[in-house]
Amino acid sequence: MAQKNVKNMMGVLSGVFAHTGHLTKEEAMQMAGMDEAEFKTVYDKAANVVKKLESYDTAAEKYDKFSEHLWEELQEYVKKFGPFGV
């Protein structure tokens, strides 16, 4: 279970880079070690992060809010486990 959750978190993060044009979707999928069906869900979560960041006007605001919005999408993967027994 933990490995799958970490894999999903990697997929969301690499998906953000794909949505912003820094990786191709295929590269992001490969980095996460997922096939297309597995990647769809995390890619949609990555889209949510990018969509929220696009609502800010400045790069500084986007940087400030990036981790907050990323965390919102990753929470379900750390609900029942975590490095600190969360």
PDB file of N, CA and C in Angstrom:
ATOM      1  N   MET A   1       0.825  -1.199   0.000  1.00  0.00           N
ATOM      2  CA  MET A   1       0.000   0.000   0.000  1.00  0.00           C
ATOM      3  C   MET A   1       0.864   1.256   0.000  1.00  0.00           C
ATOM      4  N   ALA A   2       1.889   1.286   0.847  1.00  0.00           N
ATOM      5  CA  ALA A   2       2.743   2.475   0.925  1.00  0.00           C
ATOM      6  C   ALA A   2       3.429   2.740  -0.410  1.00  0.00           C
ATOM      7  N   GLN A   3       3.891   1.689  -1.082  1.00  0.00           N
ATOM      8  CA  GLN A   3       4.568   1.885  -2.365  1.00  0.00           C
ATOM      9  C   GLN A   3       3.632   2.489  -3.395  1.00  0.00           C
ATOM     10  N   LYS A   4       2.392   2.031  -3.397  1.00  0.00           N
ATOM     11  CA  LYS A   4       1.423   2.568  -4.358  1.00  0.00           C
ATOM     12  C   LYS A   4       1.136   4.037  -4.061  1.00  0.00           C
ATOM     13  N   ASN A   5       1.024   4.387  -2.793  1.00  0.00           N
ATOM     14  CA  ASN A   5       0.763   5.775  -2.429  1.00  0.00           C
ATOM     15  C   ASN A   5       1.926   6.683  -2.818  1.00  0.00           C
ATOM     16  N   VAL A   6       3.145   6.225  -2.591  1.00  0.00           N
ATOM     17  CA  VAL A   6       4.319   7.013  -2.984  1.00  0.00           C
ATOM     18  C   VAL A   6       4.356   7.160  -4.502  1.00  0.00           C
ATOM     19  N   LYS A   7       4.047   6.094  -5.204  1.00  0.00           N
ATOM     20  CA  LYS A   7       4.001   6.124  -6.668  1.00  0.00           C
ATOM     21  C   LYS A   7       2.970   7.149  -7.146  1.00  0.00           C
ATOM     22  N   ASN A   8       1.812   7.174  -6.501  1.00  0.00           N
ATOM     23  CA  ASN A   8       0.781   8.144  -6.863  1.00  0.00           C
ATOM     24  C   ASN A   8       1.237   9.574  -6.593  1.00  0.00           C
ATOM     25  N   MET A   9       1.921   9.779  -5.473  1.00  0.00           N
ATOM     26  CA  MET A   9       2.423  11.120  -5.166  1.00  0.00           C
ATOM     27  C   MET A   9       3.447  11.561  -6.209  1.00  0.00           C
ATOM     28  N   MET A  10       4.302  10.637  -6.627  1.00  0.00           N
ATOM     29  CA  MET A  10       5.273  10.954  -7.676  1.00  0.00           C
ATOM     30  C   MET A  10       4.555  11.281  -8.985  1.00  0.00           C
ATOM     31  N   GLY A  11       3.459  10.591  -9.236  1.00  0.00           N
ATOM     32  CA  GLY A  11       2.680  10.849 -10.442  1.00  0.00           C
ATOM     33  C   GLY A  11       2.054  12.226 -10.444  1.00  0.00           C
ATOM     34  N   VAL A  12       1.541  12.653  -9.298  1.00  0.00           N
ATOM     35  CA  VAL A  12       0.953  13.992  -9.212  1.00  0.00           C
ATOM     36  C   VAL A  12       2.033  15.040  -9.466  1.00  0.00           C
ATOM     37  N   LEU A  13       3.167  14.898  -8.810  1.00  0.00           N
ATOM     38  CA  LEU A  13       4.238  15.882  -8.965  1.00  0.00           C
ATOM     39  C   LEU A  13       4.768  15.918 -10.401  1.00  0.00           C
ATOM     40  N   SER A  14       5.029  14.757 -10.985  1.00  0.00           N
ATOM     41  CA  SER A  14       5.513  14.752 -12.371  1.00  0.00           C
ATOM     42  C   SER A  14       4.429  15.251 -13.319  1.00  0.00           C
ATOM     43  N   GLY A  15       3.165  15.006 -12.970  1.00  0.00           N
ATOM     44  CA  GLY A  15       2.056  15.515 -13.773  1.00  0.00           C
ATOM     45  C   GLY A  15       1.991  17.031 -13.786  1.00  0.00           C
ATOM     46  N   VAL A  16       2.323  17.659 -12.667  1.00  0.00           N
ATOM     47  CA  VAL A  16       2.374  19.128 -12.619  1.00  0.00           C
ATOM     48  C   VAL A  16       3.412  19.626 -13.620  1.00  0.00           C
ATOM     49  N   PHE A  17       4.572  18.973 -13.648  1.00  0.00           N
ATOM     50  CA  PHE A  17       5.619  19.380 -14.584  1.00  0.00           C
ATOM     51  C   PHE A  17       5.178  19.161 -16.033  1.00  0.00           C
ATOM     52  N   ALA A  18       4.390  18.130 -16.280  1.00  0.00           N
ATOM     53  CA  ALA A  18       3.875  17.893 -17.629  1.00  0.00           C
ATOM     54  C   ALA A  18       2.855  18.963 -18.009  1.00  0.00           C
ATOM     55  N   HIS A  19       1.970  19.291 -17.094  1.00  0.00           N
ATOM     56  CA  HIS A  19       0.951  20.308 -17.377  1.00  0.00           C
ATOM     57  C   HIS A  19       1.565  21.676 -17.642  1.00  0.00           C
ATOM     58  N   THR A  20       2.723  21.941 -17.052  1.00  0.00           N
ATOM     59  CA  THR A  20       3.362  23.246 -17.237  1.00  0.00           C
ATOM     60  C   THR A  20       4.388  23.234 -18.367  1.00  0.00           C
ATOM     61  N   GLY A  21       4.499  22.112 -19.081  1.00  0.00           N
ATOM     62  CA  GLY A  21       5.344  22.049 -20.261  1.00  0.00           C
ATOM     63  C   GLY A  21       6.808  21.743 -20.014  1.00  0.00           C
ATOM     64  N   HIS A  22       7.153  21.349 -18.804  1.00  0.00           N
ATOM     65  CA  HIS A  22       8.550  21.045 -18.497  1.00  0.00           C
ATOM     66  C   HIS A  22       8.891  19.576 -18.729  1.00  0.00           C
ATOM     67  N   LEU A  23       7.885  18.747 -18.838  1.00  0.00           N
ATOM     68  CA  LEU A  23       8.022  17.334 -19.199  1.00  0.00           C
ATOM     69  C   LEU A  23       6.900  17.013 -20.170  1.00  0.00           C
ATOM     70  N   THR A  24       7.087  15.996 -20.983  1.00  0.00           N
ATOM     71  CA  THR A  24       5.955  15.506 -21.761  1.00  0.00           C
ATOM     72  C   THR A  24       5.114  14.624 -20.841  1.00  0.00           C
ATOM     73  N   LYS A  25       3.902  14.387 -21.245  1.00  0.00           N
ATOM     74  CA  LYS A  25       3.039  13.510 -20.457  1.00  0.00           C
ATOM     75  C   LYS A  25       3.656  12.113 -20.369  1.00  0.00           C
ATOM     76  N   GLU A  26       4.241  11.669 -21.459  1.00  0.00           N
ATOM     77  CA  GLU A  26       4.862  10.344 -21.485  1.00  0.00           C
ATOM     78  C   GLU A  26       6.059  10.280 -20.534  1.00  0.00           C
ATOM     79  N   GLU A  27       6.860  11.345 -20.493  1.00  0.00           N
ATOM     80  CA  GLU A  27       7.997  11.382 -19.564  1.00  0.00           C
ATOM     81  C   GLU A  27       7.516  11.339 -18.116  1.00  0.00           C
ATOM     82  N   ALA A  28       6.474  12.107 -17.831  1.00  0.00           N
ATOM     83  CA  ALA A  28       5.929  12.135 -16.470  1.00  0.00           C
ATOM     84  C   ALA A  28       5.394  10.764 -16.074  1.00  0.00           C
ATOM     85  N   MET A  29       4.708  10.122 -17.006  1.00  0.00           N
ATOM     86  CA  MET A  29       4.164   8.786 -16.760  1.00  0.00           C
ATOM     87  C   MET A  29       5.295   7.791 -16.494  1.00  0.00           C
ATOM     88  N   GLN A  30       6.351   7.891 -17.270  1.00  0.00           N
ATOM     89  CA  GLN A  30       7.498   6.999 -17.105  1.00  0.00           C
ATOM     90  C   GLN A  30       8.185   7.246 -15.762  1.00  0.00           C
ATOM     91  N   MET A  31       8.354   8.500 -15.383  1.00  0.00           N
ATOM     92  CA  MET A  31       8.993   8.821 -14.105  1.00  0.00           C
ATOM     93  C   MET A  31       8.208   8.244 -12.936  1.00  0.00           C
ATOM     94  N   ALA A  32       6.881   8.243 -13.064  1.00  0.00           N
ATOM     95  CA  ALA A  32       6.028   7.706 -12.007  1.00  0.00           C
ATOM     96  C   ALA A  32       5.910   6.187 -12.082  1.00  0.00           C
ATOM     97  N   GLY A  33       6.369   5.605 -13.181  1.00  0.00           N
ATOM     98  CA  GLY A  33       6.281   4.156 -13.343  1.00  0.00           C
ATOM     99  C   GLY A  33       4.852   3.677 -13.512  1.00  0.00           C
ATOM    100  N   MET A  34       4.069   4.440 -14.272  1.00  0.00           N
ATOM    101  CA  MET A  34       2.647   4.126 -14.438  1.00  0.00           C
ATOM    102  C   MET A  34       2.307   3.915 -15.905  1.00  0.00           C
ATOM    103  N   ASP A  35       1.242   3.152 -16.124  1.00  0.00           N
ATOM    104  CA  ASP A  35       0.700   3.060 -17.469  1.00  0.00           C
ATOM    105  C   ASP A  35      -0.347   4.163 -17.626  1.00  0.00           C
ATOM    106  N   GLU A  36      -0.906   4.275 -18.809  1.00  0.00           N
ATOM    107  CA  GLU A  36      -1.826   5.373 -19.099  1.00  0.00           C
ATOM    108  C   GLU A  36      -3.062   5.366 -18.198  1.00  0.00           C
ATOM    109  N   ALA A  37      -3.610   4.202 -17.939  1.00  0.00           N
ATOM    110  CA  ALA A  37      -4.810   4.104 -17.095  1.00  0.00           C
ATOM    111  C   ALA A  37      -4.513   4.545 -15.662  1.00  0.00           C
ATOM    112  N   GLU A  38      -3.384   4.100 -15.115  1.00  0.00           N
ATOM    113  CA  GLU A  38      -3.003   4.497 -13.753  1.00  0.00           C
ATOM    114  C   GLU A  38      -2.743   5.999 -13.672  1.00  0.00           C
ATOM    115  N   PHE A  39      -2.130   6.532 -14.713  1.00  0.00           N
ATOM    116  CA  PHE A  39      -1.689   7.923 -14.692  1.00  0.00           C
ATOM    117  C   PHE A  39      -2.848   8.910 -14.790  1.00  0.00           C
ATOM    118  N   LYS A  40      -3.961   8.495 -15.363  1.00  0.00           N
ATOM    119  CA  LYS A  40      -5.076   9.419 -15.575  1.00  0.00           C
ATOM    120  C   LYS A  40      -5.515  10.108 -14.286  1.00  0.00           C
ATOM    121  N   THR A  41      -5.706   9.375 -13.228  1.00  0.00           N
ATOM    122  CA  THR A  41      -6.179   9.952 -11.964  1.00  0.00           C
ATOM    123  C   THR A  41      -5.193  10.962 -11.402  1.00  0.00           C
ATOM    124  N   VAL A  42      -3.923  10.602 -11.370  1.00  0.00           N
ATOM    125  CA  VAL A  42      -2.938  11.526 -10.802  1.00  0.00           C
ATOM    126  C   VAL A  42      -2.717  12.717 -11.724  1.00  0.00           C
ATOM    127  N   TYR A  43      -2.860  12.514 -13.017  1.00  0.00           N
ATOM    128  CA  TYR A  43      -2.721  13.613 -13.977  1.00  0.00           C
ATOM    129  C   TYR A  43      -3.853  14.627 -13.790  1.00  0.00           C
ATOM    130  N   ASP A  44      -5.032  14.134 -13.485  1.00  0.00           N
ATOM    131  CA  ASP A  44      -6.159  15.022 -13.189  1.00  0.00           C
ATOM    132  C   ASP A  44      -5.901  15.812 -11.909  1.00  0.00           C
ATOM    133  N   LYS A  45      -5.305  15.175 -10.920  1.00  0.00           N
ATOM    134  CA  LYS A  45      -4.954  15.872  -9.678  1.00  0.00           C
ATOM    135  C   LYS A  45      -3.906  16.954  -9.954  1.00  0.00           C
ATOM    136  N   ALA A  46      -2.958  16.644 -10.810  1.00  0.00           N
ATOM    137  CA  ALA A  46      -1.941  17.627 -11.190  1.00  0.00           C
ATOM    138  C   ALA A  46      -2.594  18.819 -11.886  1.00  0.00           C
ATOM    139  N   ALA A  47      -3.594  18.542 -12.709  1.00  0.00           N
ATOM    140  CA  ALA A  47      -4.314  19.622 -13.392  1.00  0.00           C
ATOM    141  C   ALA A  47      -4.988  20.540 -12.385  1.00  0.00           C
ATOM    142  N   ASN A  48      -5.502  19.972 -11.303  1.00  0.00           N
ATOM    143  CA  ASN A  48      -6.119  20.794 -10.257  1.00  0.00           C
ATOM    144  C   ASN A  48      -5.106  21.749  -9.641  1.00  0.00           C
ATOM    145  N   VAL A  49      -3.900  21.268  -9.402  1.00  0.00           N
ATOM    146  CA  VAL A  49      -2.843  22.110  -8.831  1.00  0.00           C
ATOM    147  C   VAL A  49      -2.550  23.272  -9.775  1.00  0.00           C
ATOM    148  N   VAL A  50      -2.336  22.958 -11.039  1.00  0.00           N
ATOM    149  CA  VAL A  50      -1.983  23.982 -12.020  1.00  0.00           C
ATOM    150  C   VAL A  50      -3.122  24.986 -12.191  1.00  0.00           C
ATOM    151  N   LYS A  51      -4.341  24.496 -12.214  1.00  0.00           N
ATOM    152  CA  LYS A  51      -5.497  25.385 -12.366  1.00  0.00           C
ATOM    153  C   LYS A  51      -5.557  26.393 -11.215  1.00  0.00           C
ATOM    154  N   LYS A  52      -5.320  25.928 -10.003  1.00  0.00           N
ATOM    155  CA  LYS A  52      -5.330  26.830  -8.847  1.00  0.00           C
ATOM    156  C   LYS A  52      -4.195  27.841  -8.938  1.00  0.00           C
ATOM    157  N   LEU A  53      -3.028  27.401  -9.371  1.00  0.00           N
ATOM    158  CA  LEU A  53      -1.886  28.307  -9.477  1.00  0.00           C
ATOM    159  C   LEU A  53      -2.101  29.367 -10.553  1.00  0.00           C
ATOM    160  N   GLU A  54      -2.828  29.015 -11.589  1.00  0.00           N
ATOM    161  CA  GLU A  54      -3.094  29.973 -12.665  1.00  0.00           C
ATOM    162  C   GLU A  54      -3.961  31.136 -12.209  1.00  0.00           C
ATOM    163  N   SER A  55      -4.612  30.994 -11.063  1.00  0.00           N
ATOM    164  CA  SER A  55      -5.471  32.073 -10.566  1.00  0.00           C
ATOM    165  C   SER A  55      -4.671  33.207  -9.922  1.00  0.00           C
ATOM    166  N   TYR A  56      -3.382  33.001  -9.717  1.00  0.00           N
ATOM    167  CA  TYR A  56      -2.543  34.038  -9.107  1.00  0.00           C
ATOM    168  C   TYR A  56      -1.872  34.865 -10.195  1.00  0.00           C
ATOM    169  N   ASP A  57      -1.662  36.136  -9.880  1.00  0.00           N
ATOM    170  CA  ASP A  57      -1.118  37.057 -10.873  1.00  0.00           C
ATOM    171  C   ASP A  57       0.396  37.006 -11.012  1.00  0.00           C
ATOM    172  N   THR A  58       1.097  36.837  -9.918  1.00  0.00           N
ATOM    173  CA  THR A  58       2.555  36.933  -9.975  1.00  0.00           C
ATOM    174  C   THR A  58       3.219  35.582  -9.735  1.00  0.00           C
ATOM    175  N   ALA A  59       4.441  35.483 -10.225  1.00  0.00           N
ATOM    176  CA  ALA A  59       5.220  34.264 -10.001  1.00  0.00           C
ATOM    177  C   ALA A  59       5.456  34.052  -8.514  1.00  0.00           C
ATOM    178  N   ALA A  60       5.655  35.130  -7.782  1.00  0.00           N
ATOM    179  CA  ALA A  60       5.889  35.022  -6.334  1.00  0.00           C
ATOM    180  C   ALA A  60       4.693  34.388  -5.635  1.00  0.00           C
ATOM    181  N   GLU A  61       3.482  34.802  -6.024  1.00  0.00           N
ATOM    182  CA  GLU A  61       2.273  34.216  -5.430  1.00  0.00           C
ATOM    183  C   GLU A  61       2.183  32.726  -5.771  1.00  0.00           C
ATOM    184  N   LYS A  62       2.503  32.393  -7.006  1.00  0.00           N
ATOM    185  CA  LYS A  62       2.441  30.994  -7.438  1.00  0.00           C
ATOM    186  C   LYS A  62       3.425  30.140  -6.646  1.00  0.00           C
ATOM    187  N   TYR A  63       4.643  30.651  -6.469  1.00  0.00           N
ATOM    188  CA  TYR A  63       5.641  29.918  -5.681  1.00  0.00           C
ATOM    189  C   TYR A  63       5.186  29.756  -4.239  1.00  0.00           C
ATOM    190  N   ASP A  64       4.612  30.815  -3.680  1.00  0.00           N
ATOM    191  CA  ASP A  64       4.151  30.766  -2.290  1.00  0.00           C
ATOM    192  C   ASP A  64       3.045  29.738  -2.088  1.00  0.00           C
ATOM    193  N   LYS A  65       2.188  29.572  -3.072  1.00  0.00           N
ATOM    194  CA  LYS A  65       1.020  28.702  -2.937  1.00  0.00           C
ATOM    195  C   LYS A  65       1.217  27.293  -3.501  1.00  0.00           C
ATOM    196  N   PHE A  66       2.324  27.075  -4.212  1.00  0.00           N
ATOM    197  CA  PHE A  66       2.537  25.782  -4.859  1.00  0.00           C
ATOM    198  C   PHE A  66       2.437  24.616  -3.885  1.00  0.00           C
ATOM    199  N   SER A  67       3.194  24.659  -2.809  1.00  0.00           N
ATOM    200  CA  SER A  67       3.205  23.513  -1.889  1.00  0.00           C
ATOM    201  C   SER A  67       1.850  23.315  -1.216  1.00  0.00           C
ATOM    202  N   GLU A  68       1.153  24.407  -0.953  1.00  0.00           N
ATOM    203  CA  GLU A  68      -0.180  24.306  -0.341  1.00  0.00           C
ATOM    204  C   GLU A  68      -1.143  23.554  -1.259  1.00  0.00           C
ATOM    205  N   HIS A  69      -1.172  23.942  -2.521  1.00  0.00           N
ATOM    206  CA  HIS A  69      -2.103  23.307  -3.458  1.00  0.00           C
ATOM    207  C   HIS A  69      -1.667  21.886  -3.817  1.00  0.00           C
ATOM    208  N   LEU A  70      -0.372  21.659  -3.887  1.00  0.00           N
ATOM    209  CA  LEU A  70       0.109  20.300  -4.125  1.00  0.00           C
ATOM    210  C   LEU A  70      -0.299  19.400  -2.964  1.00  0.00           C
ATOM    211  N   TRP A  71      -0.114  19.882  -1.744  1.00  0.00           N
ATOM    212  CA  TRP A  71      -0.469  19.101  -0.556  1.00  0.00           C
ATOM    213  C   TRP A  71      -1.957  18.746  -0.553  1.00  0.00           C
ATOM    214  N   GLU A  72      -2.805  19.664  -0.976  1.00  0.00           N
ATOM    215  CA  GLU A  72      -4.246  19.385  -1.024  1.00  0.00           C
ATOM    216  C   GLU A  72      -4.526  18.148  -1.878  1.00  0.00           C
ATOM    217  N   GLU A  73      -3.799  18.012  -2.966  1.00  0.00           N
ATOM    218  CA  GLU A  73      -4.016  16.880  -3.871  1.00  0.00           C
ATOM    219  C   GLU A  73      -3.328  15.599  -3.392  1.00  0.00           C
ATOM    220  N   LEU A  74      -2.320  15.726  -2.551  1.00  0.00           N
ATOM    221  CA  LEU A  74      -1.583  14.550  -2.068  1.00  0.00           C
ATOM    222  C   LEU A  74      -2.144  13.966  -0.778  1.00  0.00           C
ATOM    223  N   GLN A  75      -2.983  14.707  -0.078  1.00  0.00           N
ATOM    224  CA  GLN A  75      -3.441  14.300   1.255  1.00  0.00           C
ATOM    225  C   GLN A  75      -4.008  12.893   1.320  1.00  0.00           C
ATOM    226  N   GLU A  76      -4.793  12.513   0.340  1.00  0.00           N
ATOM    227  CA  GLU A  76      -5.420  11.185   0.406  1.00  0.00           C
ATOM    228  C   GLU A  76      -4.388  10.058   0.413  1.00  0.00           C
ATOM    229  N   TYR A  77      -3.204  10.323  -0.105  1.00  0.00           N
ATOM    230  CA  TYR A  77      -2.177   9.288  -0.165  1.00  0.00           C
ATOM    231  C   TYR A  77      -1.394   9.152   1.134  1.00  0.00           C
ATOM    232  N   VAL A  78      -1.572  10.080   2.055  1.00  0.00           N
ATOM    233  CA  VAL A  78      -0.857   9.995   3.334  1.00  0.00           C
ATOM    234  C   VAL A  78      -1.798   9.953   4.530  1.00  0.00           C
ATOM    235  N   LYS A  79      -3.082   9.777   4.286  1.00  0.00           N
ATOM    236  CA  LYS A  79      -4.064   9.749   5.375  1.00  0.00           C
ATOM    237  C   LYS A  79      -3.788   8.650   6.392  1.00  0.00           C
ATOM    238  N   LYS A  80      -3.490   7.459   5.928  1.00  0.00           N
ATOM    239  CA  LYS A  80      -3.403   6.310   6.827  1.00  0.00           C
ATOM    240  C   LYS A  80      -1.980   5.822   7.050  1.00  0.00           C
ATOM    241  N   PHE A  81      -1.034   6.532   6.516  1.00  0.00           N
ATOM    242  CA  PHE A  81       0.358   6.151   6.725  1.00  0.00           C
ATOM    243  C   PHE A  81       1.201   7.395   6.536  1.00  0.00           C
ATOM    244  N   GLY A  82       2.423   7.264   6.782  1.00  0.00           N
ATOM    245  CA  GLY A  82       3.334   8.372   6.553  1.00  0.00           C
ATOM    246  C   GLY A  82       4.631   8.137   7.291  1.00  0.00           C
ATOM    247  N   PRO A  83       5.617   8.929   6.977  1.00  0.00           N
ATOM    248  CA  PRO A  83       6.913   8.718   7.616  1.00  0.00           C
ATOM    249  C   PRO A  83       6.874   8.971   9.118  1.00  0.00           C
ATOM    250  N   PHE A  84       5.848   9.661   9.575  1.00  0.00           N
ATOM    251  CA  PHE A  84       5.753   9.984  10.997  1.00  0.00           C
ATOM    252  C   PHE A  84       4.557   9.308  11.653  1.00  0.00           C
ATOM    253  N   GLY A  85       4.025   8.289  10.999  1.00  0.00           N
ATOM    254  CA  GLY A  85       2.903   7.546  11.557  1.00  0.00           C
ATOM    255  C   GLY A  85       1.589   8.285  11.480  1.00  0.00           C
ATOM    256  N   VAL A  86       1.454   9.145  10.489  1.00  0.00           N
ATOM    257  CA  VAL A  86       0.233   9.933  10.321  1.00  0.00           C
ATOM    258  C   VAL A  86      -0.926   9.001  10.037  1.00  0.00           C
TER     259      VAL A  86
END
